[in-house]
C-alpha atoms as a PDB file:
ATOM      1  CA  MET A   1     -10.178   3.355 -23.261  1.00  0.00           C
ATOM      2  CA  PHE A   2      -9.783   4.682 -19.715  1.00  0.00           C
ATOM      3  CA  LEU A   3      -6.516   6.540 -19.010  1.00  0.00           C
ATOM      4  CA  LEU A   4      -5.567   7.434 -15.453  1.00  0.00           C
ATOM      5  CA  GLY A   5      -2.750   9.642 -14.296  1.00  0.00           C
ATOM      6  CA  LYS A   6      -1.275   9.629 -10.816  1.00  0.00           C
ATOM      7  CA  ALA A   7      -2.995  12.732  -9.410  1.00  0.00           C
ATOM      8  CA  LEU A   8      -3.867  16.304 -10.236  1.00  0.00           C
ATOM      9  CA  GLN A   9      -0.876  18.621 -10.366  1.00  0.00           C
ATOM     10  CA  GLY A  10      -2.231  22.125 -10.486  1.00  0.00           C
ATOM     11  CA  TRP A  11      -5.833  23.186 -10.787  1.00  0.00           C
ATOM     12  CA  ASP A  12      -8.281  25.374 -12.614  1.00  0.00           C
ATOM     13  CA  PRO A  13      -8.802  29.045 -11.708  1.00  0.00           C
ATOM     14  CA  HIS A  14     -10.152  29.855  -8.238  1.00  0.00           C
ATOM     15  CA  GLU A  15     -13.692  30.318  -9.557  1.00  0.00           C
ATOM     16  CA  CYS A  16     -13.789  26.672 -10.748  1.00  0.00           C
ATOM     17  CA  SER A  17     -16.795  24.850  -9.267  1.00  0.00           C
ATOM     18  CA  ALA A  18     -14.820  21.666  -8.535  1.00  0.00           C
ATOM     19  CA  ARG A  19     -12.109  23.382  -6.505  1.00  0.00           C
ATOM     20  CA  TRP A  20     -12.276  22.939  -2.728  1.00  0.00           C
ATOM     21  CA  GLN A  21     -10.224  22.777   0.471  1.00  0.00           C
ATOM     22  CA  ALA A  22     -10.081  19.880   2.957  1.00  0.00           C
ATOM     23  CA  ALA A  23     -11.855  21.969   5.612  1.00  0.00           C
ATOM     24  CA  ASP A  24     -14.847  22.274   3.249  1.00  0.00           C
ATOM     25  CA  ALA A  25     -15.491  18.530   3.638  1.00  0.00           C
ATOM     26  CA  THR A  26     -15.961  18.685   7.417  1.00  0.00           C
ATOM     27  CA  THR A  27     -19.638  19.712   7.229  1.00  0.00           C
ATOM     28  CA  VAL A  28     -22.685  18.262   5.502  1.00  0.00           C
ATOM     29  CA  ALA A  29     -23.241  21.548   3.653  1.00  0.00           C
ATOM     30  CA  GLY A  30     -19.600  21.646   2.595  1.00  0.00           C
ATOM     31  CA  ARG A  31     -19.635  18.078   1.267  1.00  0.00           C
ATOM     32  CA  SER A  32     -22.859  18.811  -0.609  1.00  0.00           C
ATOM     33  CA  ARG A  33     -21.254  21.861  -2.237  1.00  0.00           C
ATOM     34  CA  ILE A  34     -18.187  19.782  -3.201  1.00  0.00           C
ATOM     35  CA  LEU A  35     -20.329  17.105  -4.860  1.00  0.00           C
ATOM     36  CA  ASP A  36     -22.585  19.611  -6.619  1.00  0.00           C
ATOM     37  CA  GLY A  37     -19.624  21.663  -7.817  1.00  0.00           C
ATOM     38  CA  THR A  38     -17.755  18.598  -9.066  1.00  0.00           C
ATOM     39  CA  ARG A  39     -20.802  17.367 -10.971  1.00  0.00           C
ATOM     40  CA  ALA A  40     -21.188  20.799 -12.581  1.00  0.00           C
ATOM     41  CA  TRP A  41     -17.502  21.083 -13.592  1.00  0.00           C
ATOM     42  CA  HIS A  42     -17.328  21.954 -17.307  1.00  0.00           C
ATOM     43  CA  THR A  43     -20.792  20.519 -18.021  1.00  0.00           C
ATOM     44  CA  ASP A  44     -21.473  23.607 -20.124  1.00  0.00           C
ATOM     45  CA  ALA A  45     -18.584  22.660 -22.450  1.00  0.00           C
ATOM     46  CA  ILE A  46     -19.064  20.637 -25.634  1.00  0.00           C
ATOM     47  CA  GLU A  47     -16.079  18.483 -24.601  1.00  0.00           C
ATOM     48  CA  PRO A  48     -15.029  18.808 -20.937  1.00  0.00           C
ATOM     49  CA  ILE A  49     -11.516  17.381 -21.374  1.00  0.00           C
ATOM     50  CA  ALA A  50     -10.804  19.921 -24.129  1.00  0.00           C
ATOM     51  CA  THR A  51     -11.619  22.684 -21.637  1.00  0.00           C
ATOM     52  CA  VAL A  52      -9.140  21.219 -19.147  1.00  0.00           C
ATOM     53  CA  LEU A  53      -6.418  21.549 -21.780  1.00  0.00           C
ATOM     54  CA  ASP A  54      -7.090  25.280 -22.166  1.00  0.00           C
ATOM     55  CA  VAL A  55      -5.640  25.927 -18.685  1.00  0.00           C
ATOM     56  CA  GLN A  56      -1.983  26.678 -17.824  1.00  0.00           C
ATOM     57  CA  LYS A  57      -0.268  25.333 -20.930  1.00  0.00           C
ATOM     58  CA  ARG A  58      -1.372  21.757 -20.161  1.00  0.00           C
ATOM     59  CA  ALA A  59      -1.589  20.831 -23.840  1.00  0.00           C
ATOM     60  CA  ARG A  60       2.235  20.807 -24.036  1.00  0.00           C
ATOM     61  CA  SER A  61       2.843  18.828 -20.831  1.00  0.00           C
ATOM     62  CA  THR A  62       4.293  15.316 -21.084  1.00  0.00           C
ATOM     63  CA  PHE A  63       1.123  13.774 -19.611  1.00  0.00           C
ATOM     64  CA  TRP A  64      -1.204  15.353 -22.172  1.00  0.00           C
ATOM     65  CA  LEU A  65       1.183  14.753 -25.085  1.00  0.00           C
ATOM     66  CA  PHE A  66       1.346  11.101 -24.028  1.00  0.00           C
ATOM     67  CA  SER A  67      -2.450  10.988 -23.711  1.00  0.00           C
ATOM     68  CA  ARG A  68      -2.920  12.335 -27.209  1.00  0.00           C
ATOM     69  CA  THR A  69      -0.342   9.940 -28.687  1.00  0.00           C
ATOM     70  CA  LEU A  70      -1.904   6.959 -26.930  1.00  0.00           C
ATOM     71  CA  VAL A  71      -5.480   7.807 -27.941  1.00  0.00           C
ATOM     72  CA  GLU A  72      -4.576   8.584 -31.556  1.00  0.00           C
ATOM     73  CA  THR A  73      -2.633   5.304 -31.743  1.00  0.00           C
ATOM     74  CA  LEU A  74      -5.145   2.991 -30.068  1.00  0.00           C
ATOM     75  CA  VAL A  75      -8.617   4.464 -30.461  1.00  0.00           C
ATOM     76  CA  PRO A  76     -10.221   4.606 -33.929  1.00  0.00           C
ATOM     77  CA  ASP A  77     -10.989   8.046 -35.312  1.00  0.00           C
ATOM     78  CA  PHE A  78     -14.553   8.284 -36.582  1.00  0.00           C
ATOM     79  CA  GLY A  79     -14.332  11.993 -37.271  1.00  0.00           C
ATOM     80  CA  SER A  80     -14.166  13.081 -33.633  1.00  0.00           C
ATOM     81  CA  ARG A  81     -11.399  14.913 -31.779  1.00  0.00           C
ATOM     82  CA  TRP A  82      -8.999  12.735 -29.803  1.00  0.00           C
ATOM     83  CA  VAL A  83     -10.198  14.204 -26.493  1.00  0.00           C
ATOM     84  CA  SER A  84     -13.683  12.782 -27.069  1.00  0.00           C
ATOM     85  CA  ARG A  85     -12.494   9.229 -27.718  1.00  0.00           C
ATOM     86  CA  TYR A  86     -11.492   8.164 -24.193  1.00  0.00           C
ATOM     87  CA  ALA A  87     -12.153   8.721 -20.478  1.00  0.00           C
ATOM     88  CA  TRP A  88      -9.607  10.413 -18.227  1.00  0.00           C
ATOM     89  CA  GLY A  89      -9.154  10.176 -14.465  1.00  0.00           C
ATOM     90  CA  ASN A  90      -6.570  10.083 -11.707  1.00  0.00           C
ATOM     91  CA  LEU A  91      -5.631   7.211  -9.424  1.00  0.00           C
ATOM     92  CA  TYR A  92      -5.396   9.688  -6.528  1.00  0.00           C
ATOM     93  CA  PRO A  93      -8.264  12.131  -7.013  1.00  0.00           C
ATOM     94  CA  VAL A  94      -7.308  14.679  -4.337  1.00  0.00           C
ATOM     95  CA  GLY A  95      -4.168  16.755  -4.884  1.00  0.00           C
ATOM     96  CA  TRP A  96      -2.485  19.791  -3.410  1.00  0.00           C
ATOM     97  CA  ASP A  97      -3.863  23.200  -4.284  1.00  0.00           C
ATOM     98  CA  LYS A  98      -0.702  24.157  -6.122  1.00  0.00           C
ATOM     99  CA  PRO A  99       0.852  23.108  -9.424  1.00  0.00           C
ATOM    100  CA  GLY A 100       3.541  20.496  -9.865  1.00  0.00           C
ATOM    101  CA  ASP A 101       3.261  18.356  -6.741  1.00  0.00           C
ATOM    102  CA  SER A 102       1.476  15.002  -6.433  1.00  0.00           C
ATOM    103  CA  PRO A 103      -0.048  14.042  -3.068  1.00  0.00           C
ATOM    104  CA  TRP A 104       2.494  12.747  -0.574  1.00  0.00           C
ATOM    105  CA  GLY A 105       2.641  12.313   3.192  1.00  0.00           C
ATOM    106  CA  ALA A 106      -0.685  12.649   5.020  1.00  0.00           C
ATOM    107  CA  LEU A 107      -2.621  13.541   1.843  1.00  0.00           C
ATOM    108  CA  LYS A 108      -1.504  10.363   0.075  1.00  0.00           C
ATOM    109  CA  GLU A 109      -1.930   8.227   3.194  1.00  0.00           C
ATOM    110  CA  ALA A 110      -5.494   9.475   3.660  1.00  0.00           C
ATOM    111  CA  GLN A 111      -6.351   8.246   0.148  1.00  0.00           C
ATOM    112  CA  ASP A 112      -4.383   4.960   0.181  1.00  0.00           C
ATOM    113  CA  PRO A 113      -7.194   2.818   1.681  1.00  0.00           C
ATOM    114  CA  PHE A 114      -9.710   4.027  -0.901  1.00  0.00           C
ATOM    115  CA  VAL A 115      -7.963   4.323  -4.272  1.00  0.00           C
ATOM    116  CA  GLY A 116      -8.212   0.618  -5.147  1.00  0.00           C
ATOM    117  CA  ASP A 117     -11.957   0.455  -4.495  1.00  0.00           C
ATOM    118  CA  LEU A 118     -12.481   3.740  -6.340  1.00  0.00           C
ATOM    119  CA  LEU A 119     -10.545   2.445  -9.346  1.00  0.00           C
ATOM    120  CA  ARG A 120     -12.609  -0.740  -9.406  1.00  0.00           C
ATOM    121  CA  ALA A 121     -15.882   1.238  -9.172  1.00  0.00           C
ATOM    122  CA  GLU A 122     -14.847   3.624 -11.986  1.00  0.00           C
ATOM    123  CA  VAL A 123     -13.912   0.733 -14.256  1.00  0.00           C
ATOM    124  CA  GLU A 124     -17.197  -1.048 -13.545  1.00  0.00           C
ATOM    125  CA  LEU A 125     -19.085   2.152 -14.369  1.00  0.00           C
ATOM    126  CA  LEU A 126     -17.190   2.983 -17.575  1.00  0.00           C
ATOM    127  CA  ALA A 127     -16.661  -0.634 -18.747  1.00  0.00           C
ATOM    128  CA  PRO A 128     -13.610   0.149 -20.931  1.00  0.00           C
ATOM    129  CA  ALA A 129     -11.885  -2.550 -22.991  1.00  0.00           C
ATOM    130  CA  THR A 130      -8.489  -1.082 -22.055  1.00  0.00           C
ATOM    131  CA  VAL A 131      -7.271   0.658 -18.900  1.00  0.00           C
ATOM    132  CA  VAL A 132      -3.926   2.502 -18.924  1.00  0.00           C
ATOM    133  CA  ILE A 133      -2.518   3.857 -15.659  1.00  0.00           C
ATOM    134  CA  ILE A 134       0.579   6.031 -15.555  1.00  0.00           C
ATOM    135  CA  CYS A 135       1.514   6.551 -11.947  1.00  0.00           C
ATOM    136  CA  GLY A 136       4.795   4.956 -10.886  1.00  0.00           C
ATOM    137  CA  PRO A 137       5.152   2.045  -8.439  1.00  0.00           C
ATOM    138  CA  TRP A 138       4.775   3.989  -5.188  1.00  0.00           C
ATOM    139  CA  TYR A 139       1.231   4.994  -6.110  1.00  0.00           C
ATOM    140  CA  TRP A 140       0.369   1.814  -8.009  1.00  0.00           C
ATOM    141  CA  HIS A 141       1.086  -0.643  -5.199  1.00  0.00           C
ATOM    142  CA  SER A 142      -1.369   1.127  -2.879  1.00  0.00           C
ATOM    143  CA  ALA A 143      -4.165   0.506  -5.387  1.00  0.00           C
ATOM    144  CA  ALA A 144      -3.248  -2.829  -6.952  1.00  0.00           C
ATOM    145  CA  LYS A 145      -4.255  -5.313  -4.256  1.00  0.00           C
ATOM    146  CA  PRO A 146      -7.594  -3.751  -3.204  1.00  0.00           C
ATOM    147  CA  ALA A 147      -8.502  -3.360  -6.876  1.00  0.00           C
ATOM    148  CA  GLY A 148      -7.752  -7.065  -7.472  1.00  0.00           C
ATOM    149  CA  LEU A 149      -4.909  -6.181  -9.827  1.00  0.00           C
ATOM    150  CA  ASP A 150      -1.915  -7.508  -7.892  1.00  0.00           C
ATOM    151  CA  VAL A 151      -2.183 -10.562 -10.207  1.00  0.00           C
ATOM    152  CA  LEU A 152      -1.020  -8.528 -13.210  1.00  0.00           C
ATOM    153  CA  PRO A 153       2.352  -9.788 -14.491  1.00  0.00           C
ATOM    154  CA  ARG A 154       5.249  -7.429 -13.842  1.00  0.00           C
ATOM    155  CA  ARG A 155       6.866  -5.833 -16.905  1.00  0.00           C
ATOM    156  CA  GLU A 156      10.113  -4.091 -17.812  1.00  0.00           C
ATOM    157  CA  GLY A 157      10.300  -0.290 -17.544  1.00  0.00           C
ATOM    158  CA  PRO A 158       8.804   2.018 -18.480  1.00  0.00           C
ATOM    159  CA  LEU A 159       5.973  -0.399 -17.729  1.00  0.00           C
ATOM    160  CA  ILE A 160       5.246  -1.742 -14.253  1.00  0.00           C
ATOM    161  CA  ALA A 161       2.596  -4.380 -14.983  1.00  0.00           C
ATOM    162  CA  ALA A 162       0.365  -5.413 -17.885  1.00  0.00           C
ATOM    163  CA  GLY A 163      -2.053  -8.166 -18.794  1.00  0.00           C
ATOM    164  CA  LEU A 164      -5.664  -9.275 -18.911  1.00  0.00           C
ATOM    165  CA  VAL A 165      -7.855  -9.103 -15.796  1.00  0.00           C
ATOM    166  CA  GLY A 166     -11.630  -9.290 -15.809  1.00  0.00           C
ATOM    167  CA  GLY A 167     -11.755  -9.523 -19.603  1.00  0.00           C
ATOM    168  CA  ARG A 168     -10.004  -6.206 -20.168  1.00  0.00           C
ATOM    169  CA  VAL A 169      -6.452  -5.126 -20.988  1.00  0.00           C
ATOM    170  CA  TRP A 170      -4.550  -3.381 -18.181  1.00  0.00           C
ATOM    171  CA  VAL A 171      -1.299  -1.487 -18.743  1.00  0.00           C
ATOM    172  CA  VAL A 172       0.442   0.204 -15.800  1.00  0.00           C
ATOM    173  CA  GLY A 173       3.557   2.291 -16.236  1.00  0.00           C
ATOM    174  CA  TYR A 174       5.672   5.197 -15.134  1.00  0.00           C
ATOM    175  CA  HIS A 175       4.752   8.806 -15.792  1.00  0.00           C
ATOM    176  CA  PRO A 176       5.652   9.766 -19.386  1.00  0.00           C
ATOM    177  CA  ARG A 177       8.323  12.200 -18.204  1.00  0.00           C
ATOM    178  CA  TYR A 178      10.537   9.085 -18.206  1.00  0.00           C
ATOM    179  CA  ALA A 179      10.363   9.279 -21.999  1.00  0.00           C
ATOM    180  CA  SER A 180      13.149  11.838 -21.698  1.00  0.00           C
ATOM    181  CA  GLN A 181      15.314   9.059 -20.228  1.00  0.00           C
ATOM    182  CA  GLY A 182      15.253   6.925 -23.341  1.00  0.00           C
ATOM    183  CA  PHE A 183      11.664   5.668 -23.547  1.00  0.00           C
ATOM    184  CA  SER A 184       9.737   6.531 -26.704  1.00  0.00           C
ATOM    185  CA  LEU A 185       6.087   7.529 -26.238  1.00  0.00           C
ATOM    186  CA  ARG A 186       5.079   6.209 -29.628  1.00  0.00           C
ATOM    187  CA  GLY A 187       7.251   3.127 -29.115  1.00  0.00           C
ATOM    188  CA  LEU A 188       5.449   2.397 -25.854  1.00  0.00           C
ATOM    189  CA  CYS A 189       2.090   2.706 -27.632  1.00  0.00           C
ATOM    190  CA  LEU A 190       3.177   0.472 -30.494  1.00  0.00           C
ATOM    191  CA  ARG A 191       4.654  -2.150 -28.130  1.00  0.00           C
ATOM    192  CA  ARG A 192       1.271  -2.210 -26.388  1.00  0.00           C
ATOM    193  CA  ILE A 193      -0.483  -2.790 -29.759  1.00  0.00           C
ATOM    194  CA  ASP A 194       1.947  -5.588 -30.657  1.00  0.00           C
ATOM    195  CA  LYS A 195       1.251  -7.353 -27.357  1.00  0.00           C
ATOM    196  CA  GLN A 196      -2.505  -7.027 -27.873  1.00  0.00           C
ATOM    197  CA  ASP A 197      -2.209  -8.475 -31.383  1.00  0.00           C
ATOM    198  CA  GLY A 198      -0.014 -11.310 -30.125  1.00  0.00           C
ATOM    199  CA  ARG A 199       3.054 -10.145 -32.015  1.00  0.00           C
END
């Protein structure tokens, strides 16, 4: 399973190798450092996603609670931790260098032309059977058409779209914070299982 959020909201400590500023990408040396640092991010950890959860109380955030619920519901446990049973990414990979704010304005617009192609390339590389994207419609519609996913049938909230494309299951929905407005996280997972099983 491949689970994508909308974008990073907050970052690792300043000494993190994958942390960079837009000005760093204006030179060949800067871009090389960005790529090298990103490739090295948490490679010394047994499970890189587990390390991400050690920072700034992320383990209790709605996104990570949803992630855990979804993985434990849909992905078989063969004796491994839930964080090792799926791939995680973000639809918009570049965020502000401060917690709690998704890219908007010029930062979102700069990424709009590329997010669909990036999504398609990531899915081709990972080859997951199921892709779940929690991003909200404003971010989703920028990616859907270039990724070839504007054919997905629309669904009722908290979903946006869901169906089969390219032989894999796609589920697109709102950020899990909407669970506090009457949507059950586990109910959303179980509804997804029922649809997959044809029930």
